[in-house]
Amino acid sequence: MAPSRAQRSSRSSRARRVRPRRHSAFSALAIAVLGILLPGTAYLVARRTRLGVTLIAASLALYGGAAYLGLEKRDAVISWALNPGLLLWMIAGLGAIALAWIAVLVTSYKMLRPLTVGPVPRLAGSMVIGVVCFAMTVGTASGAQTLMAQRSLVKKVFAGGESKSVTRPTVSANKNLWDQIPRLNVLLLGADDGDGRKGTRTDSVMVASIDTKTGNTSLISLTRNFMRMPFPADSPLHKIYPTGFWDPSIDPSKEQSEFYLDAMYRNIPKLHPGILGPSDNEGADILKVSVGEALGLKIHYYVQVDLAGFAQLVEALGGITVNINYPVPVGGSDDDKVPPSRYLQPGPNKHLMGTDALWFARGRYHVPTADLARQARQRCAVKALVERATPQNVLANFEAVAAAGEKLVRTDIPQKLLGDFVTLGERVKTAKISNIDLDKKKNFPNGRDPNYAGMREIVAQALDPKPATPRRTTTAKPSSKPSTAAQPRTTPKPAADDLTSACAYNPGPPG
């Protein structure tokens, strides 16, 4: 009587179990460990062909899929990495893959290990396998920790679906974001709530205007002591301050520090809470509206940085490199007549860590044209930070960068748009960054009554230059007398300086 299929299978299994293993303890260990590079190869060596082929096919599919996503679907991967919900699935998937890899390593070694090996080689092999498994576990834990830090950063810094802002633009999810916003205007606020201050003042106010197709960026700095900051005619704040943010009952020739630009963030929400409607950051929304009106721009989003925490971010990135053209004070107060503790000395390519980088951006004790000089250095600090924040550097220090970002950054940029912003950021890094000079001598010799109309004209011409209209000429008879006809007037082109030149090493005091 012919044997049944079950009997034949049983005999085959017994034959496979009693077949002697021809590998030494060392070669079995080497094959098993190297087999984690392509899971399944060790199974083939152990003559578990079907399982080995299945694992190799799955591994190749996993590698191929990862390569395809990295090369062809990079924007999609970035979007996933900025989605808190998907990040949780990534963490779970990372853990599952690590467990599967460890299981393959252990079972591969068990199948290949000689059955008659002595206790010492057996113990040594088990220890090596244990060390490799531990290393894989540590690597997985590190990856999961990085993903958790990323998720925490996204959730704490960027606006979720429940956030409130009346100044944020409405965009369609079905259209390309940058087709809807061909020029992106972001308000950059440096907030200072240090010792001796009641509330937060925005000592640094800057607008980054970005051409979203090219990445070319223009930086526009406003001086902290601007008074009479305007509001749009349709804003409820315009009804309260029709001639701008100041107190007309006070002598106009006197400074009104509580009505400076840097006091608006703190004072207007306190004086008129909720005037613009629901908001997660009333001060920032008010500044978006007012700064936009002053410059003739629609401000789409804001990014607020705590100046004290700026030092932590610089530290996390390993410092920034700038050119210092004159001694920059570290500490000191002009108002209290307290001298600085020291100075940052002039020199090219100075590498500054956290505290020194912070004072490079804000030092002003007895510096000529203090506010303008500080604005110029702040633009150079922004440029240096952009250059320092390479993908490799950010990834290498990601947890420290994420921890710093959670503490020092606030913004109304929505989480769902982060992928688009990361893509735009890559364009900005390789594009031109320039400065728009608002012409202090003409438009704000002091901060009491700035010429905002003149500033709007400069900004409009710099961002969208229009060719001069050719003057119509007529044929006239020659005359022996010199012509007294008025020559056509030309308007000087607004200064839009390349920051590479503006931040170069040119020793001398600020002018």
Protein backbone atom coordinates (compact mmCIF):
# COMPACT_ATOMS: atom_id res chain seq x y z
CA MET A 1 0.00 0.00 0.00
CA ALA A 2 1.45 3.38 -1.03
CA PRO A 3 2.25 5.79 1.81
CA SER A 4 -0.16 8.66 2.29
CA ARG A 5 0.77 12.35 1.83
CA ALA A 6 0.86 12.84 5.62
CA GLN A 7 3.28 9.93 6.00
CA ARG A 8 5.54 11.28 3.26
CA SER A 9 5.53 14.75 4.88
CA SER A 10 6.37 13.24 8.27
CA ARG A 11 9.30 11.30 6.83
CA SER A 12 10.55 14.44 5.03
CA SER A 13 10.40 16.46 8.26
CA ARG A 14 12.27 13.78 10.17
CA ALA A 15 14.91 13.59 7.45
CA ARG A 16 15.35 17.36 7.58
CA ARG A 17 15.69 17.31 11.36
CA VAL A 18 18.31 14.57 11.40
CA ARG A 19 20.28 16.01 8.47
CA PRO A 20 23.62 17.08 9.93
CA ARG A 21 24.33 20.81 10.01
CA ARG A 22 27.52 21.43 8.06
CA HIS A 23 28.32 24.92 9.36
CA SER A 24 30.72 25.74 12.14
CA ALA A 25 29.55 27.81 15.09
CA PHE A 26 31.38 30.87 13.77
CA SER A 27 30.07 30.59 10.19
CA ALA A 28 26.52 30.02 11.47
CA LEU A 29 26.81 33.14 13.60
CA ALA A 30 28.26 35.19 10.74
CA ILE A 31 25.57 34.09 8.28
CA ALA A 32 22.79 34.85 10.75
CA VAL A 33 24.13 38.33 11.62
CA LEU A 34 24.85 39.30 8.01
CA GLY A 35 21.46 37.92 7.06
CA ILE A 36 19.72 40.82 8.79
CA LEU A 37 20.82 43.01 5.87
CA LEU A 38 18.52 40.99 3.64
CA PRO A 39 16.21 38.96 5.88
CA GLY A 40 15.57 35.49 4.48
CA THR A 41 19.05 34.73 3.11
CA ALA A 42 20.00 32.77 6.24
CA TYR A 43 16.81 30.71 5.80
CA LEU A 44 17.94 29.75 2.30
CA VAL A 45 21.30 28.63 3.66
CA ALA A 46 19.41 26.56 6.23
CA ARG A 47 17.41 25.01 3.33
CA ARG A 48 14.12 26.55 4.38
CA THR A 49 13.62 27.60 0.79
CA ARG A 50 9.95 28.58 0.76
CA LEU A 51 10.16 30.72 3.90
CA GLY A 52 13.47 32.22 2.78
CA VAL A 53 12.16 33.23 -0.63
CA THR A 54 9.05 34.76 0.98
CA LEU A 55 11.13 36.84 3.40
CA ILE A 56 13.57 37.96 0.72
CA ALA A 57 10.70 39.04 -1.53
CA ALA A 58 9.11 40.97 1.35
CA SER A 59 12.45 42.59 2.26
CA LEU A 60 13.15 43.64 -1.32
CA ALA A 61 9.64 45.04 -1.60
CA LEU A 62 10.20 47.02 1.62
CA TYR A 63 13.56 48.37 0.43
CA GLY A 64 12.20 49.17 -3.01
CA GLY A 65 9.15 50.93 -1.58
CA ALA A 66 11.34 53.01 0.73
CA ALA A 67 13.63 53.97 -2.16
CA TYR A 68 10.66 54.88 -4.37
CA LEU A 69 9.09 57.06 -1.68
CA GLY A 70 12.41 58.77 -0.93
CA LEU A 71 13.19 59.49 -4.58
CA GLU A 72 9.80 59.99 -6.20
CA LYS A 73 7.37 60.87 -3.39
CA ARG A 74 9.52 63.04 -1.18
CA ASP A 75 6.84 65.70 -0.68
CA ALA A 76 4.36 63.06 0.42
CA VAL A 77 6.86 61.62 2.90
CA ILE A 78 7.46 65.10 4.33
CA SER A 79 3.70 65.58 4.72
CA TRP A 80 3.39 62.26 6.54
CA ALA A 81 6.27 63.18 8.85
CA LEU A 82 4.41 66.36 9.80
CA ASN A 83 1.07 64.65 10.53
CA PRO A 84 0.74 63.80 14.25
CA GLY A 85 -1.69 60.94 13.57
CA LEU A 86 0.49 59.30 10.95
CA LEU A 87 3.55 59.75 13.14
CA LEU A 88 1.94 57.44 15.72
CA TRP A 89 1.45 54.79 13.03
CA MET A 90 5.07 55.25 11.96
CA ILE A 91 6.22 54.62 15.53
CA ALA A 92 4.09 51.46 15.75
CA GLY A 93 5.34 50.29 12.35
CA LEU A 94 8.94 50.89 13.35
CA GLY A 95 8.45 48.74 16.43
CA ALA A 96 6.79 45.95 14.44
CA ILE A 97 9.59 45.88 11.87
CA ALA A 98 12.23 45.79 14.62
CA LEU A 99 10.51 42.85 16.34
CA ALA A 100 10.26 40.97 13.04
CA TRP A 101 13.96 41.60 12.34
CA ILE A 102 14.97 40.33 15.77
CA ALA A 103 12.82 37.22 15.33
CA VAL A 104 14.47 36.51 11.97
CA LEU A 105 17.95 36.91 13.48
CA VAL A 106 17.28 34.59 16.41
CA THR A 107 15.54 31.87 14.38
CA SER A 108 18.21 32.06 11.66
CA TYR A 109 20.96 31.40 14.19
CA LYS A 110 19.00 28.56 15.81
CA MET A 111 18.54 26.85 12.45
CA LEU A 112 22.20 27.19 11.43
CA ARG A 113 23.93 26.54 14.76
CA PRO A 114 25.61 23.08 14.99
CA LEU A 115 23.68 20.78 17.29
CA THR A 116 26.84 19.31 18.82
CA VAL A 117 28.57 22.60 19.60
CA GLY A 118 30.15 22.86 23.03
CA PRO A 119 28.92 25.11 25.87
CA VAL A 120 31.54 27.84 25.37
CA PRO A 121 30.86 28.46 21.63
CA ARG A 122 27.11 28.18 22.36
CA LEU A 123 27.39 30.82 25.11
CA ALA A 124 29.58 33.09 22.96
CA GLY A 125 27.16 32.85 20.03
CA SER A 126 24.18 33.59 22.25
CA MET A 127 25.99 36.64 23.66
CA VAL A 128 26.76 38.00 20.18
CA ILE A 129 23.15 37.50 19.11
CA GLY A 130 22.00 39.23 22.30
CA VAL A 131 24.30 42.21 21.69
CA VAL A 132 23.06 42.56 18.10
CA CYS A 133 19.43 42.36 19.27
CA PHE A 134 20.16 44.99 21.93
CA ALA A 135 21.75 47.29 19.33
CA MET A 136 18.70 46.88 17.09
CA THR A 137 16.42 47.64 20.04
CA VAL A 138 18.40 50.77 20.95
CA GLY A 139 18.33 51.96 17.33
CA THR A 140 14.58 51.40 17.15
CA ALA A 141 14.03 53.21 20.47
CA SER A 142 16.13 56.12 19.23
CA GLY A 143 14.13 56.32 16.03
CA ALA A 144 10.85 56.14 17.94
CA GLN A 145 12.07 58.87 20.32
CA THR A 146 12.91 61.11 17.36
CA LEU A 147 9.44 60.53 15.88
CA MET A 148 7.86 61.30 19.25
CA ALA A 149 9.89 64.52 19.49
CA GLN A 150 8.73 65.43 15.98
CA ARG A 151 5.11 64.75 16.90
CA SER A 152 5.38 66.81 20.08
CA LEU A 153 6.96 69.71 18.17
CA VAL A 154 4.23 69.71 15.51
CA LYS A 155 1.40 69.52 18.05
CA LYS A 156 2.78 72.19 20.41
CA VAL A 157 4.07 74.76 17.91
CA PHE A 158 1.85 74.57 14.85
CA ALA A 159 -1.84 75.36 14.76
CA GLY A 160 -4.23 72.43 14.81
CA GLY A 161 -7.79 72.30 13.62
CA GLU A 162 -9.08 73.85 16.83
CA SER A 163 -6.84 76.94 16.69
CA LYS A 164 -8.35 80.41 16.38
CA SER A 165 -7.13 83.25 14.17
CA VAL A 166 -9.11 85.88 12.28
CA THR A 167 -6.09 87.06 10.29
CA ARG A 168 -5.06 83.73 8.79
CA PRO A 169 -5.92 83.31 5.07
CA THR A 170 -8.48 80.81 3.87
CA VAL A 171 -6.96 78.38 1.37
CA SER A 172 -8.44 75.55 -0.65
CA ALA A 173 -7.16 72.04 0.01
CA ASN A 174 -7.94 71.10 -3.61
CA LYS A 175 -5.53 73.61 -5.16
CA ASN A 176 -1.79 74.07 -4.97
CA LEU A 177 -1.10 76.34 -1.99
CA TRP A 178 1.51 78.46 -3.75
CA ASP A 179 -0.75 79.01 -6.76
CA GLN A 180 -3.14 80.59 -4.27
CA ILE A 181 -0.39 82.57 -2.50
CA PRO A 182 2.19 83.55 -5.15
CA ARG A 183 3.86 85.89 -2.66
CA LEU A 184 3.91 84.79 0.98
CA ASN A 185 4.31 87.44 3.67
CA VAL A 186 5.31 86.18 7.12
CA LEU A 187 5.60 88.45 10.15
CA LEU A 188 8.67 87.57 12.24
CA LEU A 189 8.43 88.73 15.84
CA GLY A 190 11.25 88.71 18.37
CA ALA A 191 9.53 88.77 21.75
CA ASP A 192 11.33 89.86 24.91
CA ASP A 193 9.72 89.36 28.32
CA GLY A 194 12.94 89.50 30.31
CA ASP A 195 13.64 90.72 33.84
CA GLY A 196 12.25 94.12 34.73
CA ARG A 197 9.56 94.08 32.03
CA LYS A 198 5.84 93.88 32.64
CA GLY A 199 4.56 91.68 29.87
CA THR A 200 6.01 90.96 26.45
CA ARG A 201 7.47 93.53 24.07
CA THR A 202 8.24 92.73 20.45
CA ASP A 203 11.60 94.47 20.13
CA SER A 204 12.20 92.83 16.75
CA VAL A 205 9.54 93.20 14.04
CA MET A 206 10.40 91.99 10.56
CA VAL A 207 8.49 90.82 7.49
CA ALA A 208 9.79 88.09 5.21
CA SER A 209 8.20 88.48 1.78
CA ILE A 210 8.81 85.32 -0.26
CA ASP A 211 8.28 84.69 -3.95
CA THR A 212 6.85 81.19 -3.64
CA LYS A 213 7.92 80.15 -7.13
CA THR A 214 11.61 81.10 -6.86
CA GLY A 215 12.12 81.27 -3.09
CA ASN A 216 13.66 84.75 -3.40
CA THR A 217 13.07 86.50 -0.08
CA SER A 218 12.98 90.17 0.87
CA LEU A 219 13.35 91.13 4.54
CA ILE A 220 11.73 94.33 5.78
CA SER A 221 12.60 95.58 9.28
CA LEU A 222 10.46 98.02 11.25
CA THR A 223 11.91 100.14 14.04
CA ARG A 224 10.63 99.36 17.52
CA ASN A 225 9.84 103.02 18.38
CA PHE A 226 7.47 103.68 15.45
CA MET A 227 4.39 105.58 16.69
CA ARG A 228 1.04 106.10 14.96
CA MET A 229 1.06 102.56 13.53
CA PRO A 230 -1.97 102.52 11.19
CA PHE A 231 -4.92 100.13 10.91
CA PRO A 232 -7.03 99.28 7.82
CA ALA A 233 -10.16 101.37 7.38
CA ASP A 234 -12.40 98.32 7.81
CA SER A 235 -10.73 97.27 11.09
CA PRO A 236 -12.49 97.98 14.40
CA LEU A 237 -9.15 99.30 15.65
CA HIS A 238 -9.29 102.04 13.02
CA LYS A 239 -12.41 103.43 14.69
CA ILE A 240 -10.54 103.73 17.97
CA TYR A 241 -7.26 104.92 16.47
CA PRO A 242 -8.19 106.68 13.21
CA THR A 243 -4.81 108.42 12.98
CA GLY A 244 -2.80 105.46 14.18
CA PHE A 245 -1.78 104.03 17.55
CA TRP A 246 -0.89 107.07 19.67
CA ASP A 247 -2.45 109.49 22.15
CA PRO A 248 -3.32 112.84 20.49
CA SER A 249 -3.88 114.44 23.90
CA ILE A 250 -0.14 114.26 24.59
CA ASP A 251 2.27 116.78 23.07
CA PRO A 252 3.05 115.29 19.60
CA SER A 253 6.69 116.31 19.92
CA LYS A 254 7.15 113.99 22.90
CA GLU A 255 7.89 110.30 22.84
CA GLN A 256 5.05 107.99 23.86
CA SER A 257 6.79 104.74 24.74
CA GLU A 258 3.53 102.99 25.62
CA PHE A 259 2.39 103.66 22.05
CA TYR A 260 5.52 102.38 20.35
CA LEU A 261 5.33 99.53 17.87
CA ASP A 262 7.04 97.25 20.38
CA ALA A 263 4.30 97.98 22.97
CA MET A 264 1.32 97.11 20.75
CA TYR A 265 1.58 93.36 21.35
CA ARG A 266 1.16 93.89 25.09
CA ASN A 267 -1.02 96.99 25.39
CA ILE A 268 -3.77 96.72 22.78
CA PRO A 269 -5.09 93.29 23.91
CA LYS A 270 -5.08 94.64 27.46
CA LEU A 271 -6.95 97.81 26.47
CA HIS A 272 -9.34 96.17 23.97
CA PRO A 273 -9.57 92.43 24.65
CA GLY A 274 -11.15 90.38 21.86
CA ILE A 275 -11.48 93.37 19.53
CA LEU A 276 -10.51 91.37 16.43
CA GLY A 277 -12.48 88.27 17.40
CA PRO A 278 -11.38 84.84 18.65
CA SER A 279 -7.61 84.46 18.66
CA ASP A 280 -4.93 82.23 20.15
CA ASN A 281 -2.51 85.19 20.14
CA GLU A 282 -4.25 88.56 20.08
CA GLY A 283 -1.04 90.56 20.09
CA ALA A 284 0.31 88.79 17.01
CA ASP A 285 -3.00 89.15 15.14
CA ILE A 286 -3.09 92.88 15.89
CA LEU A 287 0.49 93.31 14.66
CA LYS A 288 -0.27 91.35 11.47
CA VAL A 289 -3.09 93.75 10.68
CA SER A 290 -1.17 96.93 11.57
CA VAL A 291 2.21 96.03 10.03
CA GLY A 292 0.42 94.90 6.87
CA GLU A 293 -1.30 98.28 6.63
CA ALA A 294 1.95 100.16 7.28
CA LEU A 295 3.77 98.33 4.47
CA GLY A 296 0.89 97.83 2.05
CA LEU A 297 1.08 94.03 2.34
CA LYS A 298 -1.30 91.22 3.24
CA ILE A 299 0.43 89.42 6.13
CA HIS A 300 -0.52 85.76 5.90
CA TYR A 301 1.12 84.17 8.94
CA TYR A 302 3.35 85.05 11.86
CA VAL A 303 6.27 83.32 13.57
CA GLN A 304 7.08 84.56 17.07
CA VAL A 305 10.44 83.73 18.63
CA ASP A 306 11.31 84.21 22.27
CA LEU A 307 14.63 86.06 22.13
CA ALA A 308 15.88 84.39 25.31
CA GLY A 309 15.13 80.98 23.78
CA PHE A 310 16.86 81.94 20.54
CA ALA A 311 20.15 81.13 22.24
CA GLN A 312 18.94 77.58 22.90
CA LEU A 313 18.10 77.03 19.23
CA VAL A 314 21.52 78.29 18.13
CA GLU A 315 23.14 75.94 20.66
CA ALA A 316 21.07 73.03 19.34
CA LEU A 317 22.31 73.71 15.80
CA GLY A 318 25.93 74.01 16.89
CA GLY A 319 26.23 77.80 16.55
CA ILE A 320 26.11 80.26 13.65
CA THR A 321 28.87 81.96 11.66
CA VAL A 322 28.70 85.73 11.06
CA ASN A 323 30.97 88.65 10.21
CA ILE A 324 31.36 91.23 13.00
CA ASN A 325 32.33 94.66 11.68
CA TYR A 326 32.47 96.62 14.96
CA PRO A 327 32.45 95.80 18.69
CA VAL A 328 28.99 94.54 19.68
CA PRO A 329 28.04 94.97 23.35
CA VAL A 330 27.05 91.97 25.43
CA GLY A 331 24.48 93.26 27.93
CA GLY A 332 24.28 96.84 29.10
CA SER A 333 21.44 99.35 29.22
CA ASP A 334 21.44 102.86 27.76
CA ASP A 335 18.40 103.86 29.82
CA ASP A 336 19.87 102.71 33.14
CA LYS A 337 23.42 103.72 32.18
CA VAL A 338 24.69 100.20 32.87
CA PRO A 339 27.73 99.32 30.73
CA PRO A 340 28.01 95.94 29.00
CA SER A 341 29.99 93.11 30.58
CA ARG A 342 32.11 92.70 27.44
CA TYR A 343 32.07 93.13 23.66
CA LEU A 344 32.01 90.73 20.73
CA GLN A 345 35.17 91.70 18.91
CA PRO A 346 35.25 92.44 15.15
CA GLY A 347 36.43 89.76 12.75
CA PRO A 348 35.41 87.69 9.72
CA ASN A 349 33.60 84.35 10.02
CA LYS A 350 33.10 84.49 13.76
CA HIS A 351 31.47 81.33 15.09
CA LEU A 352 28.99 82.28 17.82
CA MET A 353 27.22 79.96 20.19
CA GLY A 354 23.92 80.63 21.96
CA THR A 355 24.44 83.61 24.27
CA ASP A 356 26.89 85.41 21.99
CA ALA A 357 24.61 84.85 18.99
CA LEU A 358 21.73 86.34 20.96
CA TRP A 359 23.71 89.48 21.85
CA PHE A 360 24.97 89.79 18.29
CA ALA A 361 21.29 90.09 17.32
CA ARG A 362 20.24 92.48 20.09
CA GLY A 363 23.24 94.39 21.52
CA ARG A 364 22.74 98.18 21.28
CA TYR A 365 24.57 99.92 24.17
CA HIS A 366 26.15 103.14 22.75
CA VAL A 367 26.06 101.69 19.21
CA PRO A 368 25.62 104.46 16.59
CA THR A 369 22.16 104.35 14.98
CA ALA A 370 21.41 101.65 17.56
CA ASP A 371 18.02 100.41 16.31
CA LEU A 372 18.98 100.35 12.64
CA ALA A 373 22.32 98.70 13.41
CA ARG A 374 20.56 96.06 15.48
CA GLN A 375 18.04 95.42 12.69
CA ALA A 376 20.89 94.91 10.23
CA ARG A 377 22.58 92.39 12.54
CA GLN A 378 19.27 90.61 13.12
CA ARG A 379 18.86 90.13 9.37
CA CYS A 380 22.38 88.70 9.23
CA ALA A 381 21.57 86.40 12.16
CA VAL A 382 18.46 85.16 10.33
CA LYS A 383 20.53 84.53 7.21
CA ALA A 384 23.17 82.65 9.22
CA LEU A 385 20.52 80.55 10.94
CA VAL A 386 18.93 79.62 7.59
CA GLU A 387 22.34 78.57 6.28
CA ARG A 388 23.06 76.55 9.43
CA ALA A 389 19.75 74.71 9.43
CA THR A 390 20.68 72.15 6.76
CA PRO A 391 18.63 68.92 6.73
CA GLN A 392 21.72 66.97 7.83
CA ASN A 393 22.43 69.31 10.74
CA VAL A 394 18.81 69.43 11.89
CA LEU A 395 18.50 65.63 11.77
CA ALA A 396 21.79 65.13 13.60
CA ASN A 397 20.58 67.37 16.44
CA PHE A 398 16.87 66.83 16.02
CA GLU A 399 15.81 66.19 19.61
CA ALA A 400 17.65 69.29 20.88
CA VAL A 401 16.26 71.39 18.00
CA ALA A 402 12.73 70.10 18.65
CA ALA A 403 13.01 70.79 22.39
CA ALA A 404 14.21 74.33 21.69
CA GLY A 405 11.48 74.88 19.11
CA GLU A 406 8.73 73.89 21.54
CA LYS A 407 9.88 76.49 24.04
CA LEU A 408 10.65 79.46 21.85
CA VAL A 409 8.36 79.40 18.79
CA ARG A 410 4.70 80.32 18.38
CA THR A 411 2.98 80.52 15.02
CA ASP A 412 -0.40 80.34 13.32
CA ILE A 413 0.87 78.25 10.40
CA PRO A 414 -1.53 75.26 10.26
CA GLN A 415 -0.22 71.72 10.72
CA LYS A 416 -1.87 70.62 7.48
CA LEU A 417 0.25 73.08 5.45
CA LEU A 418 3.63 72.14 6.92
CA GLY A 419 4.61 69.94 3.98
CA ASP A 420 4.14 72.88 1.61
CA PHE A 421 6.17 75.13 3.90
CA VAL A 422 9.04 72.64 4.11
CA THR A 423 9.16 72.46 0.31
CA LEU A 424 9.16 76.27 0.11
CA GLY A 425 11.89 76.41 2.76
CA GLU A 426 14.17 74.33 0.53
CA ARG A 427 13.72 76.89 -2.25
CA VAL A 428 14.49 79.75 0.12
CA LYS A 429 17.77 78.13 1.21
CA THR A 430 19.12 78.19 -2.35
CA ALA A 431 17.55 81.50 -3.41
CA LYS A 432 18.47 85.14 -2.90
CA ILE A 433 17.79 86.89 0.41
CA SER A 434 17.76 90.68 0.24
CA ASN A 435 16.88 93.65 2.42
CA ILE A 436 14.42 96.44 1.58
CA ASP A 437 15.61 99.79 2.96
CA LEU A 438 12.66 101.92 4.08
CA ASP A 439 14.76 105.13 3.84
CA LYS A 440 15.15 106.42 7.38
CA LYS A 441 16.26 109.93 6.43
CA LYS A 442 13.18 110.54 4.34
CA ASN A 443 10.47 108.45 5.99
CA PHE A 444 11.30 108.23 9.69
CA PRO A 445 14.03 110.60 10.88
CA ASN A 446 12.44 109.84 14.26
CA GLY A 447 9.70 107.43 15.27
CA ARG A 448 7.08 109.99 16.24
CA ASP A 449 5.41 110.44 12.85
CA PRO A 450 6.71 107.98 10.23
CA ASN A 451 5.76 108.42 6.59
CA TYR A 452 3.94 105.12 6.07
CA ALA A 453 2.73 106.12 2.60
CA GLY A 454 6.35 106.58 1.55
CA MET A 455 7.26 103.18 2.98
CA ARG A 456 4.40 101.50 1.12
CA GLU A 457 5.65 103.02 -2.12
CA ILE A 458 9.18 101.71 -1.51
CA VAL A 459 7.93 98.21 -0.69
CA ALA A 460 5.63 98.06 -3.70
CA GLN A 461 8.39 99.17 -6.06
CA ALA A 462 10.91 96.75 -4.57
CA LEU A 463 8.62 93.70 -4.72
CA ASP A 464 7.01 94.46 -8.06
CA PRO A 465 9.21 96.92 -9.96
CA LYS A 466 7.40 98.74 -12.74
CA PRO A 467 9.30 100.25 -15.66
CA ALA A 468 9.18 104.01 -15.92
CA THR A 469 6.58 105.33 -18.38
CA PRO A 470 8.41 106.75 -21.38
CA ARG A 471 7.98 110.51 -21.69
CA ARG A 472 6.17 111.59 -24.81
CA THR A 473 8.39 113.81 -26.96
CA THR A 474 7.43 116.34 -29.62
CA THR A 475 9.48 117.77 -32.44
CA ALA A 476 10.38 121.41 -31.86
CA LYS A 477 12.21 123.99 -33.89
CA PRO A 478 15.86 124.42 -33.01
CA SER A 479 16.57 127.34 -30.72
CA SER A 480 19.79 129.13 -29.99
CA LYS A 481 18.72 129.70 -26.39
CA PRO A 482 19.37 127.03 -23.81
CA SER A 483 16.30 125.08 -22.96
CA THR A 484 14.61 125.96 -19.67
CA ALA A 485 12.11 123.14 -19.92
CA ALA A 486 11.90 121.00 -16.84
CA GLN A 487 13.81 117.78 -17.15
CA PRO A 488 11.86 114.59 -16.44
CA ARG A 489 12.11 113.66 -12.78
CA THR A 490 13.31 110.22 -11.93
CA THR A 491 12.42 108.36 -8.77
CA PRO A 492 15.39 106.56 -7.28
CA LYS A 493 14.92 102.83 -7.17
CA PRO A 494 14.35 101.61 -3.61
CA ALA A 495 17.30 99.83 -2.10
CA ALA A 496 16.95 96.06 -2.06
CA ASP A 497 20.35 94.96 -0.86
CA ASP A 498 21.61 91.43 -1.21
CA LEU A 499 22.26 90.21 2.34
CA THR A 500 25.39 88.41 1.18
CA SER A 501 26.92 91.83 0.58
CA ALA A 502 25.21 93.55 3.51
CA CYS A 503 26.48 90.88 5.93
CA ALA A 504 30.02 90.73 4.51
CA TYR A 505 33.10 91.66 6.51
CA ASN A 506 33.51 95.43 6.11
CA PRO A 507 35.10 96.74 9.35
CA GLY A 508 33.84 100.06 10.58
CA PRO A 509 31.03 101.58 12.67
CA PRO A 510 27.44 101.26 11.47
CA GLY A 511 26.35 104.14 9.32
